[in-house]
């Protein structure tokens, strides 16, 4: 559109003043529309962020109802919007923009619950959206209310434009994704009880993001796989007794020895198709000695722990090259003047998707090598096979990335954490984590204190997802904005 305007205004028969007048006249109607769309999105974002959706005191049902009201006010028929609750304060939203039905639907999924946030710990009210120094600040400003708000706003824009996709576009906003073993997990609940509402050819979800380097976009990830979440409890039981006896074989010592053994153990480094493709691409952007470590790993030379240190000391690389098991909680004793009758340590494992969970438990038992320390699984692991690399998705992401962030590489990744995609992949719905949202990674406060995201980066993410979904839902070239 802008090129056409400039070509018209640059005609040799027009004076400079007249050319400028034509440009201003033609551009003027576009500015309020763009500003209005941006403000509409910001209003949705603010409303959703400011609804407390923590498990302890929050209410995802209220959040789901608020987003349903937004869609209804924007013209969506009530029959195409469903708020589904699985219990008090637990709600999910499913909405559908109908297409021609030429292809199976695409699912846009985002969770609306958030990690706990205590006001006394934060520098500001975590449930009051603030815009300070080019940053939006609040709990959920990224994870995952950014994508949830974007999907709602973009669906409203598609409807307003009269966009008719060749496949239905389904939106699912879910609860309890942040809880590892919740009976109210929204994606799981919907698949079990309302599968037909969210059945799709593929899904777009969180899990892949843009990485910043020196304040500039450096690479964009498309998440194809994630590690399997499984917790174990190391448990020691003992007869106990009076603390004055000073027994050296008390349960706390025994548990400490087991943890020490675990601290000195590493699982074998193993690459799968996704992580291999990831490292084959990132090696081009790294420096020595990391380059050497990656090249050695790709060649299968992983036995030298010192040679692998450039990878194992980088959290983002350490998380994806092997299974990890780390202690996260301790519990022991019942009185300060008594020997403990029980001592327990919670061990959280993130298991490679192609590794057997039972094998991990056997390895833990061998490493601890103490039959008085029981290794007890907590909950049941959700196996999650990787989604195949989808050429249509990757082409669309790469083309848009090239237009919006020239020179930024697109890289398939496996997440160290889990998302709702684990349930979708098990149900036969390939899922791809991609947001177009560039953040400062570990410094963004996700799951921690003072969560924040760049204002400009958030609006660019909205534009990216608007165009990506339109590309994947419509045949041929889509209309320019």
Protein backbone atom coordinates (compact mmCIF):
# COMPACT_ATOMS: atom_id res chain seq x y z
CA UNK A 1 0.00 0.00 0.00
CA UNK A 2 2.71 2.50 0.96
CA UNK A 3 4.68 1.80 -2.22
CA UNK A 4 1.58 2.45 -4.35
CA UNK A 5 0.95 5.72 -2.53
CA UNK A 6 4.50 6.88 -3.08
CA UNK A 7 4.47 5.92 -6.77
CA UNK A 8 1.29 7.93 -7.27
CA UNK A 9 2.68 10.92 -5.44
CA UNK A 10 6.00 10.85 -7.29
CA UNK A 11 4.48 11.52 -10.74
CA UNK A 12 6.59 14.06 -12.64
CA UNK A 13 3.57 16.22 -13.46
CA UNK A 14 2.81 17.03 -9.83
CA UNK A 15 4.31 19.82 -7.78
CA UNK A 16 6.13 19.04 -4.55
CA UNK A 17 3.33 20.57 -2.46
CA UNK A 18 0.66 18.58 -4.31
CA UNK A 19 2.62 15.35 -3.98
CA UNK A 20 2.97 15.90 -0.22
CA UNK A 21 -0.75 16.67 0.04
CA UNK A 22 -1.62 13.41 -1.72
CA UNK A 23 0.62 11.40 0.62
CA UNK A 24 -0.88 13.01 3.74
CA UNK A 25 -4.41 12.62 2.44
CA UNK A 26 -3.98 8.93 1.67
CA UNK A 27 -2.03 8.06 4.80
CA UNK A 28 -4.27 9.94 7.24
CA UNK A 29 -7.13 7.41 7.31
CA UNK A 30 -4.69 4.60 8.08
CA UNK A 31 -3.18 6.12 11.20
CA UNK A 32 -6.32 6.23 13.41
CA UNK A 33 -7.20 2.66 12.36
CA UNK A 34 -3.75 1.39 13.32
CA UNK A 35 -3.82 3.33 16.58
CA UNK A 36 -7.33 2.09 17.32
CA UNK A 37 -6.35 -1.54 16.74
CA UNK A 38 -3.31 -1.12 18.96
CA UNK A 39 -5.39 0.49 21.70
CA UNK A 40 -8.01 -2.26 21.44
CA UNK A 41 -5.30 -4.87 21.94
CA UNK A 42 -3.79 -2.96 24.85
CA UNK A 43 -7.20 -2.82 26.56
CA UNK A 44 -7.62 -6.59 26.20
CA UNK A 45 -4.08 -7.18 27.43
CA UNK A 46 -4.52 -4.93 30.45
CA UNK A 47 -7.83 -6.50 31.44
CA UNK A 48 -6.44 -10.02 31.23
CA UNK A 49 -3.17 -9.24 33.02
CA UNK A 50 -4.96 -7.47 35.87
CA UNK A 51 -7.18 -10.46 36.64
CA UNK A 52 -5.33 -12.50 39.25
CA UNK A 53 -5.18 -16.07 37.91
CA UNK A 54 -2.80 -17.69 40.40
CA UNK A 55 -3.85 -21.04 41.82
CA UNK A 56 -3.91 -19.85 45.42
CA UNK A 57 -6.25 -16.86 45.20
CA UNK A 58 -6.85 -16.27 41.50
CA UNK A 59 -9.72 -17.06 39.15
CA UNK A 60 -9.18 -18.32 35.61
CA UNK A 61 -12.95 -18.72 35.20
CA UNK A 62 -13.33 -14.96 35.59
CA UNK A 63 -10.53 -14.41 33.04
CA UNK A 64 -12.13 -16.82 30.54
CA UNK A 65 -15.49 -15.07 30.94
CA UNK A 66 -13.87 -11.67 30.43
CA UNK A 67 -12.28 -12.75 27.16
CA UNK A 68 -15.56 -14.36 26.06
CA UNK A 69 -17.29 -11.03 26.68
CA UNK A 70 -14.68 -9.29 24.52
CA UNK A 71 -15.32 -11.69 21.64
CA UNK A 72 -19.09 -11.34 21.93
CA UNK A 73 -18.84 -7.55 22.00
CA UNK A 74 -16.70 -7.74 18.88
CA UNK A 75 -19.33 -9.64 16.94
CA UNK A 76 -18.63 -13.32 17.53
CA UNK A 77 -21.87 -15.34 17.72
CA UNK A 78 -22.57 -16.73 21.18
CA UNK A 79 -22.80 -20.22 19.66
CA UNK A 80 -19.13 -19.98 18.63
CA UNK A 81 -17.89 -19.16 22.14
CA UNK A 82 -17.83 -21.56 25.06
CA UNK A 83 -16.58 -21.05 28.61
CA UNK A 84 -15.90 -24.45 30.13
CA UNK A 85 -15.28 -24.81 33.85
CA UNK A 86 -13.89 -27.90 35.54
CA UNK A 87 -14.29 -26.59 39.09
CA UNK A 88 -14.51 -23.47 41.28
CA UNK A 89 -12.32 -20.64 39.93
CA UNK A 90 -11.16 -22.87 37.05
CA UNK A 91 -12.17 -21.84 33.55
CA UNK A 92 -11.25 -22.35 29.90
CA UNK A 93 -12.40 -20.52 26.79
CA UNK A 94 -12.91 -22.08 23.37
CA UNK A 95 -13.92 -19.90 20.41
CA UNK A 96 -14.10 -20.58 16.69
CA UNK A 97 -13.82 -18.39 13.60
CA UNK A 98 -15.42 -20.40 10.82
CA UNK A 99 -13.65 -20.89 7.50
CA UNK A 100 -14.62 -22.68 4.33
CA UNK A 101 -13.72 -26.09 5.73
CA UNK A 102 -11.34 -26.86 2.86
CA UNK A 103 -8.73 -27.90 5.41
CA UNK A 104 -8.75 -29.16 8.99
CA UNK A 105 -8.71 -26.38 11.63
CA UNK A 106 -5.70 -24.65 13.13
CA UNK A 107 -5.66 -24.33 16.93
CA UNK A 108 -4.30 -21.26 18.74
CA UNK A 109 -3.69 -22.17 22.37
CA UNK A 110 -2.46 -20.10 25.31
CA UNK A 111 -2.80 -20.60 29.05
CA UNK A 112 -4.28 -17.89 31.25
CA UNK A 113 -3.12 -19.08 34.67
CA UNK A 114 0.07 -17.58 36.08
CA UNK A 115 2.78 -18.42 38.60
CA UNK A 116 2.32 -17.12 42.13
CA UNK A 117 3.48 -13.55 42.76
CA UNK A 118 3.72 -12.02 46.25
CA UNK A 119 3.33 -8.26 46.43
CA UNK A 120 5.89 -7.98 49.23
CA UNK A 121 8.55 -9.54 47.02
CA UNK A 122 7.94 -7.41 43.91
CA UNK A 123 9.01 -3.84 43.23
CA UNK A 124 5.45 -3.07 42.10
CA UNK A 125 1.93 -4.53 42.23
CA UNK A 126 2.18 -7.71 40.12
CA UNK A 127 -1.48 -7.49 39.12
CA UNK A 128 -1.48 -3.89 37.94
CA UNK A 129 -0.18 -3.40 34.41
CA UNK A 130 2.39 -0.63 34.24
CA UNK A 131 4.14 0.89 31.25
CA UNK A 132 7.52 2.20 32.37
CA UNK A 133 10.59 3.05 30.29
CA UNK A 134 9.32 1.18 27.25
CA UNK A 135 8.38 -1.93 29.25
CA UNK A 136 5.07 -3.50 30.25
CA UNK A 137 5.42 -4.80 33.81
CA UNK A 138 3.15 -7.32 35.55
CA UNK A 139 2.80 -10.99 36.35
CA UNK A 140 1.75 -12.69 33.12
CA UNK A 141 2.94 -9.79 30.97
CA UNK A 142 4.76 -12.53 29.03
CA UNK A 143 3.82 -15.95 30.35
CA UNK A 144 1.35 -16.49 28.83
CA UNK A 145 -1.13 -13.64 28.78
CA UNK A 146 0.84 -11.95 26.02
CA UNK A 147 -0.07 -14.66 23.50
CA UNK A 148 -3.56 -15.10 24.95
CA UNK A 149 -4.35 -11.39 24.52
CA UNK A 150 -2.79 -11.33 21.05
CA UNK A 151 -4.90 -14.26 19.88
CA UNK A 152 -8.10 -12.64 21.17
CA UNK A 153 -7.30 -9.28 19.57
CA UNK A 154 -6.26 -10.82 16.26
CA UNK A 155 -9.42 -12.97 16.04
CA UNK A 156 -11.48 -9.83 16.50
CA UNK A 157 -9.53 -8.14 13.70
CA UNK A 158 -10.03 -11.11 11.35
CA UNK A 159 -13.78 -10.99 12.02
CA UNK A 160 -13.96 -7.24 11.51
CA UNK A 161 -12.09 -7.52 8.20
CA UNK A 162 -14.40 -10.25 6.97
CA UNK A 163 -11.45 -12.61 6.57
CA UNK A 164 -12.65 -16.02 5.37
CA UNK A 165 -9.95 -18.63 5.99
CA UNK A 166 -9.95 -21.99 4.25
CA UNK A 167 -9.90 -23.67 7.66
CA UNK A 168 -11.56 -22.87 10.97
CA UNK A 169 -9.39 -20.97 13.43
CA UNK A 170 -9.94 -22.27 16.97
CA UNK A 171 -8.86 -20.38 20.06
CA UNK A 172 -8.34 -22.20 23.37
CA UNK A 173 -7.41 -20.30 26.52
CA UNK A 174 -6.62 -22.80 29.24
CA UNK A 175 -6.17 -23.05 32.99
CA UNK A 176 -3.61 -24.73 35.24
CA UNK A 177 -0.82 -25.16 32.71
CA UNK A 178 1.60 -23.92 35.37
CA UNK A 179 0.67 -26.78 37.71
CA UNK A 180 2.45 -30.01 36.88
CA UNK A 181 -0.22 -32.42 38.13
CA UNK A 182 -3.56 -30.62 38.28
CA UNK A 183 -6.90 -32.36 37.59
CA UNK A 184 -8.03 -29.04 36.12
CA UNK A 185 -5.26 -28.73 33.51
CA UNK A 186 -7.25 -27.07 30.75
CA UNK A 187 -5.66 -28.63 27.69
CA UNK A 188 -5.90 -32.10 29.21
CA UNK A 189 -9.49 -31.52 30.36
CA UNK A 190 -10.62 -30.24 26.97
CA UNK A 191 -9.05 -33.17 25.15
CA UNK A 192 -10.67 -35.65 27.54
CA UNK A 193 -14.13 -34.08 27.69
CA UNK A 194 -14.51 -31.82 24.63
CA UNK A 195 -12.03 -33.19 22.11
CA UNK A 196 -14.18 -32.22 19.14
CA UNK A 197 -14.05 -28.56 20.13
CA UNK A 198 -10.28 -28.29 19.75
CA UNK A 199 -9.43 -31.05 17.27
CA UNK A 200 -7.08 -29.55 14.68
CA UNK A 201 -4.47 -30.33 12.06
CA UNK A 202 -1.85 -28.37 14.00
CA UNK A 203 -1.51 -25.98 16.90
CA UNK A 204 0.37 -22.75 17.54
CA UNK A 205 1.41 -22.40 21.18
CA UNK A 206 4.02 -20.86 23.47
CA UNK A 207 7.41 -22.51 23.91
CA UNK A 208 9.36 -20.78 21.16
CA UNK A 209 10.47 -17.17 21.47
CA UNK A 210 12.92 -14.63 20.16
CA UNK A 211 16.30 -14.21 21.82
CA UNK A 212 17.87 -10.78 22.18
CA UNK A 213 21.59 -10.12 22.04
CA UNK A 214 22.99 -6.70 22.91
CA UNK A 215 19.44 -5.36 22.83
CA UNK A 216 18.74 -6.60 19.29
CA UNK A 217 16.85 -9.63 17.93
CA UNK A 218 19.36 -12.46 17.47
CA UNK A 219 17.40 -15.64 16.73
CA UNK A 220 13.82 -16.90 16.67
CA UNK A 221 12.94 -20.35 17.97
CA UNK A 222 10.20 -22.70 16.82
CA UNK A 223 9.57 -25.26 19.53
CA UNK A 224 8.99 -28.79 18.19
CA UNK A 225 9.60 -30.82 21.34
CA UNK A 226 9.88 -30.57 25.09
CA UNK A 227 11.35 -32.65 27.87
CA UNK A 228 9.20 -34.97 29.96
CA UNK A 229 8.40 -33.80 33.48
CA UNK A 230 8.76 -36.35 36.28
CA UNK A 231 9.31 -35.84 39.98
CA UNK A 232 10.73 -38.42 42.39
CA UNK A 233 10.91 -38.44 46.17
CA UNK A 234 14.01 -39.87 47.84
CA UNK A 235 12.72 -41.25 51.13
CA UNK A 236 14.53 -42.60 54.19
CA UNK A 237 12.64 -44.14 57.09
CA UNK A 238 14.27 -44.84 60.44
CA UNK A 239 13.38 -45.89 64.00
CA UNK A 240 14.35 -42.44 65.23
CA UNK A 241 15.21 -41.95 68.87
CA UNK A 242 16.56 -39.38 71.31
CA UNK A 243 18.90 -36.79 69.80
CA UNK A 244 21.26 -37.21 72.77
CA UNK A 245 22.26 -40.61 71.39
CA UNK A 246 24.12 -38.91 68.57
CA UNK A 247 23.73 -41.83 66.14
CA UNK A 248 25.73 -41.28 62.96
CA UNK A 249 23.41 -43.40 60.83
CA UNK A 250 20.39 -41.13 61.21
CA UNK A 251 18.14 -40.55 58.23
CA UNK A 252 19.33 -37.04 57.43
CA UNK A 253 22.93 -38.17 57.01
CA UNK A 254 21.82 -41.07 54.83
CA UNK A 255 19.72 -38.78 52.66
CA UNK A 256 22.58 -36.27 52.43
CA UNK A 257 24.91 -39.02 51.19
CA UNK A 258 22.36 -39.96 48.51
CA UNK A 259 22.09 -36.34 47.39
CA UNK A 260 25.87 -36.02 47.27
CA UNK A 261 26.05 -39.04 44.99
CA UNK A 262 23.39 -37.52 42.75
CA UNK A 263 25.21 -34.17 42.62
CA UNK A 264 28.25 -35.86 41.09
CA UNK A 265 26.32 -37.75 38.42
CA UNK A 266 25.45 -36.66 34.88
CA UNK A 267 23.17 -38.47 32.50
CA UNK A 268 24.65 -39.23 29.06
CA UNK A 269 24.51 -36.49 26.45
CA UNK A 270 22.00 -37.47 23.76
CA UNK A 271 20.79 -35.52 20.74
CA UNK A 272 17.54 -36.11 18.91
CA UNK A 273 16.47 -34.86 15.49
CA UNK A 274 15.30 -31.50 16.88
CA UNK A 275 18.30 -30.76 19.12
CA UNK A 276 20.70 -31.91 16.42
CA UNK A 277 19.12 -29.46 13.96
CA UNK A 278 19.24 -26.78 16.66
CA UNK A 279 22.97 -27.12 17.32
CA UNK A 280 23.78 -27.43 13.62
CA UNK A 281 22.32 -23.94 13.20
CA UNK A 282 23.44 -22.17 16.37
CA UNK A 283 27.07 -23.19 15.89
CA UNK A 284 27.29 -20.58 13.13
CA UNK A 285 26.53 -17.80 15.63
CA UNK A 286 28.72 -18.92 18.52
CA UNK A 287 32.34 -18.24 19.43
CA UNK A 288 35.15 -20.44 20.69
CA UNK A 289 35.32 -22.49 22.87
CA UNK A 290 31.57 -23.07 22.50
CA UNK A 291 31.98 -23.78 18.78
CA UNK A 292 34.50 -26.50 19.51
CA UNK A 293 32.25 -28.08 22.12
CA UNK A 294 29.27 -28.11 19.75
CA UNK A 295 31.32 -29.59 16.92
CA UNK A 296 32.64 -32.31 19.23
CA UNK A 297 29.14 -33.09 20.46
CA UNK A 298 27.74 -33.29 16.92
CA UNK A 299 30.56 -35.70 16.08
CA UNK A 300 29.66 -37.88 19.06
CA UNK A 301 32.71 -37.01 21.17
CA UNK A 302 30.97 -36.30 24.47
CA UNK A 303 32.98 -38.35 26.98
CA UNK A 304 35.35 -35.52 27.93
CA UNK A 305 33.49 -33.52 30.61
CA UNK A 306 35.99 -30.65 30.42
CA UNK A 307 35.50 -30.33 26.65
CA UNK A 308 31.72 -30.17 27.16
CA UNK A 309 31.89 -27.46 29.85
CA UNK A 310 31.16 -24.57 27.42
CA UNK A 311 27.76 -26.26 26.93
CA UNK A 312 27.09 -27.66 30.40
CA UNK A 313 27.77 -24.30 32.04
CA UNK A 314 25.30 -22.51 29.75
CA UNK A 315 21.79 -23.04 31.24
CA UNK A 316 20.04 -22.80 27.86
CA UNK A 317 22.29 -25.51 26.39
CA UNK A 318 22.65 -27.64 29.51
CA UNK A 319 18.86 -28.01 29.65
CA UNK A 320 18.55 -29.68 26.25
CA UNK A 321 21.58 -31.93 25.81
CA UNK A 322 20.73 -34.50 28.46
CA UNK A 323 18.23 -35.57 31.09
CA UNK A 324 18.56 -33.53 34.28
CA UNK A 325 17.49 -34.42 37.84
CA UNK A 326 17.95 -31.86 40.60
CA UNK A 327 16.79 -31.60 44.25
CA UNK A 328 14.20 -28.88 44.81
CA UNK A 329 12.74 -29.55 48.29
CA UNK A 330 13.81 -31.09 51.61
CA UNK A 331 11.77 -32.38 54.54
CA UNK A 332 12.99 -34.20 57.62
CA UNK A 333 12.39 -34.70 61.32
CA UNK A 334 9.53 -33.98 63.71
CA UNK A 335 11.27 -32.31 66.66
CA UNK A 336 14.55 -30.55 67.30
CA UNK A 337 15.47 -32.96 70.11
CA UNK A 338 14.62 -36.18 68.28
CA UNK A 339 16.32 -38.15 65.54
CA UNK A 340 14.31 -38.06 62.32
CA UNK A 341 11.94 -40.93 61.62
CA UNK A 342 11.64 -39.81 58.01
CA UNK A 343 13.76 -37.71 55.68
CA UNK A 344 12.70 -36.83 52.17
CA UNK A 345 14.11 -34.95 49.20
CA UNK A 346 12.09 -33.96 46.15
CA UNK A 347 14.00 -34.54 42.92
CA UNK A 348 12.64 -32.90 39.79
CA UNK A 349 13.67 -34.56 36.53
CA UNK A 350 13.34 -33.22 33.00
CA UNK A 351 13.72 -36.26 30.78
CA UNK A 352 14.62 -36.33 27.09
CA UNK A 353 11.49 -37.20 25.10
CA UNK A 354 13.08 -40.31 23.56
CA UNK A 355 14.34 -41.71 26.88
CA UNK A 356 12.32 -44.22 28.92
CA UNK A 357 11.10 -42.82 32.23
CA UNK A 358 11.59 -46.20 33.92
CA UNK A 359 15.23 -46.13 32.80
CA UNK A 360 15.73 -42.82 34.62
CA UNK A 361 14.42 -44.27 37.88
CA UNK A 362 16.72 -47.29 37.53
CA UNK A 363 19.70 -44.99 36.93
CA UNK A 364 18.86 -42.93 40.03
CA UNK A 365 18.70 -46.09 42.12
CA UNK A 366 22.07 -47.26 40.78
CA UNK A 367 23.71 -43.89 41.44
CA UNK A 368 22.39 -43.64 45.01
CA UNK A 369 23.30 -47.30 45.65
CA UNK A 370 21.56 -47.49 49.04
CA UNK A 371 18.60 -49.83 49.46
CA UNK A 372 17.44 -47.84 52.49
CA UNK A 373 16.85 -44.79 50.28
CA UNK A 374 13.66 -45.38 48.32
CA UNK A 375 13.15 -43.68 44.96
CA UNK A 376 9.41 -43.09 44.70
CA UNK A 377 7.78 -41.53 41.61
CA UNK A 378 5.47 -38.61 42.35
CA UNK A 379 2.67 -38.36 39.80
CA UNK A 380 2.78 -39.90 36.36
CA UNK A 381 5.01 -38.68 33.55
CA UNK A 382 3.27 -37.39 30.45
CA UNK A 383 5.19 -38.73 27.49
CA UNK A 384 5.38 -36.22 24.68
CA UNK A 385 6.82 -37.21 21.30
CA UNK A 386 8.33 -34.46 19.20
CA UNK A 387 6.25 -32.81 16.49
CA UNK A 388 7.64 -33.43 13.01
CA UNK A 389 9.26 -30.49 11.29
CA UNK A 390 6.43 -29.02 9.24
CA UNK A 391 7.69 -27.39 6.00
CA UNK A 392 4.59 -25.17 5.68
CA UNK A 393 5.00 -23.80 9.20
CA UNK A 394 8.75 -23.33 8.88
CA UNK A 395 8.47 -21.59 5.48
CA UNK A 396 5.86 -19.20 6.85
CA UNK A 397 7.88 -18.41 9.97
CA UNK A 398 11.11 -17.94 8.01
CA UNK A 399 9.46 -15.69 5.41
CA UNK A 400 7.84 -13.45 8.03
CA UNK A 401 10.99 -13.33 10.13
CA UNK A 402 12.98 -12.30 7.07
CA UNK A 403 10.54 -9.44 6.42
CA UNK A 404 10.20 -8.22 10.00
CA UNK A 405 13.70 -8.94 11.34
CA UNK A 406 16.06 -9.29 8.36
CA UNK A 407 18.99 -11.58 8.99
CA UNK A 408 17.56 -13.20 12.12
CA UNK A 409 17.80 -17.01 11.83
CA UNK A 410 14.87 -19.32 12.59
CA UNK A 411 15.89 -22.37 14.62
CA UNK A 412 13.89 -25.49 15.63
CA UNK A 413 14.21 -26.14 19.37
CA UNK A 414 13.33 -28.46 22.22
CA UNK A 415 12.23 -26.84 25.48
CA UNK A 416 13.70 -27.81 28.80
CA UNK A 417 10.32 -27.05 30.39
CA UNK A 418 6.85 -28.23 29.47
CA UNK A 419 3.79 -26.58 27.92
CA UNK A 420 0.26 -27.57 26.96
CA UNK A 421 1.77 -28.98 23.77
CA UNK A 422 2.59 -32.19 25.66
CA UNK A 423 -1.12 -33.03 25.83
CA UNK A 424 -1.80 -32.00 22.22
CA UNK A 425 1.07 -34.05 20.81
CA UNK A 426 -0.14 -37.11 22.69
CA UNK A 427 -3.58 -36.57 21.16
CA UNK A 428 -2.14 -36.51 17.65
CA UNK A 429 -2.16 -32.72 17.20
CA UNK A 430 1.34 -31.56 16.13
CA UNK A 431 2.18 -28.40 18.07
CA UNK A 432 4.64 -25.63 17.29
CA UNK A 433 5.78 -23.08 19.83
CA UNK A 434 6.35 -19.74 18.14
CA UNK A 435 5.45 -16.23 19.25
CA UNK A 436 7.66 -13.71 17.49
CA UNK A 437 8.16 -12.15 20.92
CA UNK A 438 11.76 -11.12 21.56
CA UNK A 439 12.77 -10.92 25.22
CA UNK A 440 15.85 -10.86 27.38
CA UNK A 441 15.33 -14.48 28.38
CA UNK A 442 16.35 -15.23 31.94
CA UNK A 443 16.26 -11.52 32.86
CA UNK A 444 12.58 -11.08 31.90
CA UNK A 445 11.23 -12.21 35.29
CA UNK A 446 9.17 -15.09 33.88
CA UNK A 447 8.35 -17.41 36.83
CA UNK A 448 10.34 -14.99 38.97
CA UNK A 449 10.22 -11.40 40.20
CA UNK A 450 9.17 -8.26 38.32
CA UNK A 451 8.13 -9.89 35.03
CA UNK A 452 8.34 -7.48 32.10
CA UNK A 453 8.36 -7.24 28.32
CA UNK A 454 9.25 -4.55 25.83
CA UNK A 455 6.27 -2.55 24.59
CA UNK A 456 7.59 -2.40 21.04
CA UNK A 457 8.45 -6.10 21.10
CA UNK A 458 4.96 -7.03 22.25
CA UNK A 459 3.27 -5.07 19.46
CA UNK A 460 5.64 -6.64 16.93
CA UNK A 461 4.74 -10.08 18.27
CA UNK A 462 1.08 -9.28 17.72
CA UNK A 463 1.79 -8.30 14.11
CA UNK A 464 3.88 -11.43 13.56
CA UNK A 465 1.18 -13.77 14.88
CA UNK A 466 -1.52 -11.90 12.95
CA UNK A 467 0.34 -12.52 9.71
CA UNK A 468 1.49 -16.04 10.55
CA UNK A 469 -1.98 -17.35 11.34
CA UNK A 470 -3.39 -15.65 8.26
CA UNK A 471 -0.70 -17.26 6.13
CA UNK A 472 -1.38 -20.73 7.56
CA UNK A 473 -5.16 -20.36 7.33
CA UNK A 474 -5.60 -18.89 3.83
CA UNK A 475 -4.61 -20.29 0.43
CA UNK A 476 -2.32 -18.17 -1.71
CA UNK A 477 -1.02 -14.70 -0.79
CA UNK A 478 -2.85 -12.94 2.03
CA UNK A 479 -3.94 -9.33 1.95
CA UNK A 480 -1.38 -6.75 3.04
CA UNK A 481 -1.95 -4.66 6.11
